[in-house]
C-alpha atoms as a PDB file:
ATOM      1  CA  UNK A   1     107.091  62.048 110.409  1.00  0.00           C
ATOM      2  CA  UNK A   2     105.853  64.093 113.348  1.00  0.00           C
ATOM      3  CA  UNK A   3     105.934  67.895 113.764  1.00  0.00           C
ATOM      4  CA  UNK A   4     109.020  67.816 116.056  1.00  0.00           C
ATOM      5  CA  UNK A   5     111.047  65.810 113.547  1.00  0.00           C
ATOM      6  CA  UNK A   6     110.105  68.254 110.781  1.00  0.00           C
ATOM      7  CA  UNK A   7     111.036  71.268 112.955  1.00  0.00           C
ATOM      8  CA  UNK A   8     114.353  69.633 113.868  1.00  0.00           C
ATOM      9  CA  UNK A   9     115.133  69.047 110.192  1.00  0.00           C
ATOM     10  CA  UNK A  10     114.310  72.678 109.328  1.00  0.00           C
ATOM     11  CA  UNK A  11     116.535  73.790 112.224  1.00  0.00           C
ATOM     12  CA  UNK A  12     119.505  72.264 110.417  1.00  0.00           C
ATOM     13  CA  UNK A  13     119.370  75.205 108.007  1.00  0.00           C
ATOM     14  CA  UNK A  14     121.310  78.138 109.465  1.00  0.00           C
ATOM     15  CA  UNK A  15     119.626  81.476 108.786  1.00  0.00           C
ATOM     16  CA  UNK A  16     119.921  85.122 109.522  1.00  0.00           C
ATOM     17  CA  UNK A  17     117.353  86.819 111.745  1.00  0.00           C
ATOM     18  CA  UNK A  18     114.929  89.549 110.705  1.00  0.00           C
ATOM     19  CA  UNK A  19     112.254  91.673 112.291  1.00  0.00           C
ATOM     20  CA  UNK A  20     109.267  92.401 110.094  1.00  0.00           C
ATOM     21  CA  UNK A  21     107.430  95.640 110.842  1.00  0.00           C
ATOM     22  CA  UNK A  22     104.441  97.543 109.591  1.00  0.00           C
ATOM     23  CA  UNK A  23     102.291 100.379 110.916  1.00  0.00           C
ATOM     24  CA  UNK A  24      98.588 101.087 111.121  1.00  0.00           C
ATOM     25  CA  UNK A  25      97.713 104.704 112.014  1.00  0.00           C
ATOM     26  CA  UNK A  26     101.318 105.235 113.213  1.00  0.00           C
ATOM     27  CA  UNK A  27     101.044 102.268 115.612  1.00  0.00           C
ATOM     28  CA  UNK A  28     103.981  99.918 114.990  1.00  0.00           C
ATOM     29  CA  UNK A  29     103.565  96.154 114.808  1.00  0.00           C
ATOM     30  CA  UNK A  30     106.551  93.837 114.569  1.00  0.00           C
ATOM     31  CA  UNK A  31     107.586  90.210 114.705  1.00  0.00           C
ATOM     32  CA  UNK A  32     110.805  88.221 114.497  1.00  0.00           C
ATOM     33  CA  UNK A  33     111.168  85.914 111.509  1.00  0.00           C
ATOM     34  CA  UNK A  34     113.839  83.892 109.789  1.00  0.00           C
ATOM     35  CA  UNK A  35     111.617  82.817 106.872  1.00  0.00           C
ATOM     36  CA  UNK A  36     112.861  85.493 104.478  1.00  0.00           C
ATOM     37  CA  UNK A  37     114.452  85.361 101.031  1.00  0.00           C
ATOM     38  CA  UNK A  38     115.138  87.344  97.909  1.00  0.00           C
ATOM     39  CA  UNK A  39     112.886  86.453  94.969  1.00  0.00           C
ATOM     40  CA  UNK A  40     113.664  88.606  91.915  1.00  0.00           C
ATOM     41  CA  UNK A  41     115.977  91.337  90.637  1.00  0.00           C
ATOM     42  CA  UNK A  42     113.544  92.659  88.032  1.00  0.00           C
ATOM     43  CA  UNK A  43     111.341  93.727  89.616  1.00  0.00           C
ATOM     44  CA  UNK A  44     113.119  93.747  92.976  1.00  0.00           C
ATOM     45  CA  UNK A  45     111.094  91.322  95.117  1.00  0.00           C
ATOM     46  CA  UNK A  46     111.548  89.600  98.467  1.00  0.00           C
ATOM     47  CA  UNK A  47     109.386  87.116 100.367  1.00  0.00           C
ATOM     48  CA  UNK A  48     108.462  86.567 104.006  1.00  0.00           C
ATOM     49  CA  UNK A  49     106.413  83.733 105.473  1.00  0.00           C
ATOM     50  CA  UNK A  50     103.871  84.621 108.178  1.00  0.00           C
ATOM     51  CA  UNK A  51     101.968  82.110 110.322  1.00  0.00           C
ATOM     52  CA  UNK A  52      98.240  82.506 109.736  1.00  0.00           C
ATOM     53  CA  UNK A  53      97.712  82.757 113.517  1.00  0.00           C
ATOM     54  CA  UNK A  54     100.115  85.703 113.824  1.00  0.00           C
ATOM     55  CA  UNK A  55      98.604  89.156 114.309  1.00  0.00           C
ATOM     56  CA  UNK A  56     101.111  90.416 111.750  1.00  0.00           C
ATOM     57  CA  UNK A  57      99.173  88.760 108.925  1.00  0.00           C
ATOM     58  CA  UNK A  58      96.146  91.011 109.410  1.00  0.00           C
ATOM     59  CA  UNK A  59      98.371  94.065 109.974  1.00  0.00           C
ATOM     60  CA  UNK A  60     100.179  93.551 106.662  1.00  0.00           C
ATOM     61  CA  UNK A  61      96.877  92.896 104.897  1.00  0.00           C
ATOM     62  CA  UNK A  62      95.539  96.167 106.312  1.00  0.00           C
ATOM     63  CA  UNK A  63      98.587  98.358 105.629  1.00  0.00           C
ATOM     64  CA  UNK A  64      99.669  96.872 102.292  1.00  0.00           C
ATOM     65  CA  UNK A  65     103.286  97.617 103.292  1.00  0.00           C
ATOM     66  CA  UNK A  66     105.989  96.104 105.448  1.00  0.00           C
ATOM     67  CA  UNK A  67     109.690  96.296 106.121  1.00  0.00           C
ATOM     68  CA  UNK A  68     112.325  93.698 106.858  1.00  0.00           C
ATOM     69  CA  UNK A  69     115.201  94.646 109.162  1.00  0.00           C
ATOM     70  CA  UNK A  70     118.106  92.194 108.861  1.00  0.00           C
ATOM     71  CA  UNK A  71     119.600  92.076 112.342  1.00  0.00           C
ATOM     72  CA  UNK A  72     123.242  92.428 113.324  1.00  0.00           C
ATOM     73  CA  UNK A  73     124.883  90.245 115.952  1.00  0.00           C
ATOM     74  CA  UNK A  74     124.383  93.143 118.394  1.00  0.00           C
ATOM     75  CA  UNK A  75     120.579  92.985 118.023  1.00  0.00           C
ATOM     76  CA  UNK A  76     119.771  89.637 119.643  1.00  0.00           C
ATOM     77  CA  UNK A  77     117.711  91.433 122.289  1.00  0.00           C
ATOM     78  CA  UNK A  78     115.584  93.048 119.551  1.00  0.00           C
ATOM     79  CA  UNK A  79     114.973  89.608 118.059  1.00  0.00           C
ATOM     80  CA  UNK A  80     113.963  88.225 121.448  1.00  0.00           C
ATOM     81  CA  UNK A  81     111.661  91.182 122.132  1.00  0.00           C
ATOM     82  CA  UNK A  82     109.779  90.886 118.831  1.00  0.00           C
ATOM     83  CA  UNK A  83     109.608  87.089 119.250  1.00  0.00           C
ATOM     84  CA  UNK A  84     107.793  87.609 122.568  1.00  0.00           C
ATOM     85  CA  UNK A  85     110.664  86.155 124.603  1.00  0.00           C
ATOM     86  CA  UNK A  86     111.054  89.449 126.481  1.00  0.00           C
ATOM     87  CA  UNK A  87     107.696  90.291 128.008  1.00  0.00           C
ATOM     88  CA  UNK A  88     108.132  93.767 129.504  1.00  0.00           C
ATOM     89  CA  UNK A  89     106.983  96.616 127.257  1.00  0.00           C
ATOM     90  CA  UNK A  90     109.789  98.646 125.720  1.00  0.00           C
ATOM     91  CA  UNK A  91     109.826 101.931 123.895  1.00  0.00           C
ATOM     92  CA  UNK A  92     111.637 101.213 120.646  1.00  0.00           C
ATOM     93  CA  UNK A  93     113.057 104.211 118.822  1.00  0.00           C
ATOM     94  CA  UNK A  94     112.129 103.312 115.250  1.00  0.00           C
ATOM     95  CA  UNK A  95     113.435 105.023 112.166  1.00  0.00           C
ATOM     96  CA  UNK A  96     110.692 105.789 109.649  1.00  0.00           C
ATOM     97  CA  UNK A  97     111.319 105.295 105.930  1.00  0.00           C
ATOM     98  CA  UNK A  98     108.528 105.983 103.427  1.00  0.00           C
ATOM     99  CA  UNK A  99     105.997 105.822 106.269  1.00  0.00           C
ATOM    100  CA  UNK A 100     107.166 102.394 107.466  1.00  0.00           C
ATOM    101  CA  UNK A 101     109.080 101.763 110.716  1.00  0.00           C
ATOM    102  CA  UNK A 102     112.455 100.016 110.623  1.00  0.00           C
ATOM    103  CA  UNK A 103     114.911  99.071 113.345  1.00  0.00           C
ATOM    104  CA  UNK A 104     117.890 101.356 113.676  1.00  0.00           C
ATOM    105  CA  UNK A 105     121.363  99.810 113.450  1.00  0.00           C
ATOM    106  CA  UNK A 106     120.197  96.830 111.374  1.00  0.00           C
ATOM    107  CA  UNK A 107     122.483  95.552 108.625  1.00  0.00           C
ATOM    108  CA  UNK A 108     119.752  96.196 106.076  1.00  0.00           C
ATOM    109  CA  UNK A 109     116.314  97.754 106.140  1.00  0.00           C
ATOM    110  CA  UNK A 110     114.141  96.718 103.203  1.00  0.00           C
ATOM    111  CA  UNK A 111     110.917  98.660 102.690  1.00  0.00           C
ATOM    112  CA  UNK A 112     108.217  97.024 100.570  1.00  0.00           C
ATOM    113  CA  UNK A 113     104.757  97.355  99.161  1.00  0.00           C
ATOM    114  CA  UNK A 114     102.837  94.087  99.117  1.00  0.00           C
ATOM    115  CA  UNK A 115     103.190  92.783  95.559  1.00  0.00           C
ATOM    116  CA  UNK A 116     101.316  89.493  96.091  1.00  0.00           C
ATOM    117  CA  UNK A 117     100.349  87.026  98.788  1.00  0.00           C
ATOM    118  CA  UNK A 118      99.959  83.271  98.552  1.00  0.00           C
ATOM    119  CA  UNK A 119      98.376  80.868 101.001  1.00  0.00           C
ATOM    120  CA  UNK A 120     100.700  77.926 101.680  1.00  0.00           C
ATOM    121  CA  UNK A 121      99.557  75.465 104.331  1.00  0.00           C
ATOM    122  CA  UNK A 122      99.269  77.252 107.674  1.00  0.00           C
ATOM    123  CA  UNK A 123     101.314  80.274 106.497  1.00  0.00           C
ATOM    124  CA  UNK A 124     100.912  83.123 104.048  1.00  0.00           C
ATOM    125  CA  UNK A 125     103.821  84.025 101.791  1.00  0.00           C
ATOM    126  CA  UNK A 126     104.013  87.761 101.223  1.00  0.00           C
ATOM    127  CA  UNK A 127     105.937  88.929  98.187  1.00  0.00           C
ATOM    128  CA  UNK A 128     107.179  92.454  98.744  1.00  0.00           C
ATOM    129  CA  UNK A 129     108.183  94.862  96.000  1.00  0.00           C
ATOM    130  CA  UNK A 130     111.206  96.729  97.333  1.00  0.00           C
ATOM    131  CA  UNK A 131     110.654 100.485  97.216  1.00  0.00           C
ATOM    132  CA  UNK A 132     113.630 101.525  99.361  1.00  0.00           C
ATOM    133  CA  UNK A 133     116.527 100.005 101.245  1.00  0.00           C
ATOM    134  CA  UNK A 134     119.377 100.983 103.504  1.00  0.00           C
ATOM    135  CA  UNK A 135     122.621  99.129 104.216  1.00  0.00           C
ATOM    136  CA  UNK A 136     125.323  99.315 106.885  1.00  0.00           C
ATOM    137  CA  UNK A 137     128.406  97.193 107.487  1.00  0.00           C
ATOM    138  CA  UNK A 138     128.445  94.609 110.257  1.00  0.00           C
ATOM    139  CA  UNK A 139     128.111  90.967 111.189  1.00  0.00           C
ATOM    140  CA  UNK A 140     124.718  89.236 111.007  1.00  0.00           C
ATOM    141  CA  UNK A 141     122.853  87.596 113.851  1.00  0.00           C
ATOM    142  CA  UNK A 142     122.565  83.884 113.049  1.00  0.00           C
ATOM    143  CA  UNK A 143     120.040  81.242 114.069  1.00  0.00           C
ATOM    144  CA  UNK A 144     120.742  77.497 114.018  1.00  0.00           C
ATOM    145  CA  UNK A 145     119.032  74.548 115.733  1.00  0.00           C
ATOM    146  CA  UNK A 146     116.789  76.910 117.679  1.00  0.00           C
ATOM    147  CA  UNK A 147     119.676  78.970 119.079  1.00  0.00           C
ATOM    148  CA  UNK A 148     121.303  82.290 118.296  1.00  0.00           C
ATOM    149  CA  UNK A 149     124.847  82.303 117.047  1.00  0.00           C
ATOM    150  CA  UNK A 150     127.498  84.384 115.386  1.00  0.00           C
ATOM    151  CA  UNK A 151     129.113  84.123 111.998  1.00  0.00           C
ATOM    152  CA  UNK A 152     132.852  83.534 112.260  1.00  0.00           C
ATOM    153  CA  UNK A 153     134.774  84.774 109.261  1.00  0.00           C
END
């Protein structure tokens, strides 16, 4: 199978959309990702998958912390910005929790210390130990077949 066929197959799995953030010397670094999942209740662990070519990999390695903001349907523009689809520089008003930036108005903000990392092909899986989280009500931003969508309930 070729890379396109594999990507198309993976696109059949509908996901939510997250923005992963960290900070080095109060400078925020962020990226959009949909490779996110819960791992364990005891201890409370989550996982994100970061491409080895992404700048975020070195930033997380350096800081030892990261957050995951689970985006609402109203935050598609934030997803596009942190995915590099919107090129003009924007001043994002981050909320800071335990020294880590998170996106305001997200459905959930999950703040983590790096618990472990594992090389897997051309990505690194970061396991985060959840040290804080915040929740609000709303509808998630969805991603399916390479396109944004909305959950209809």
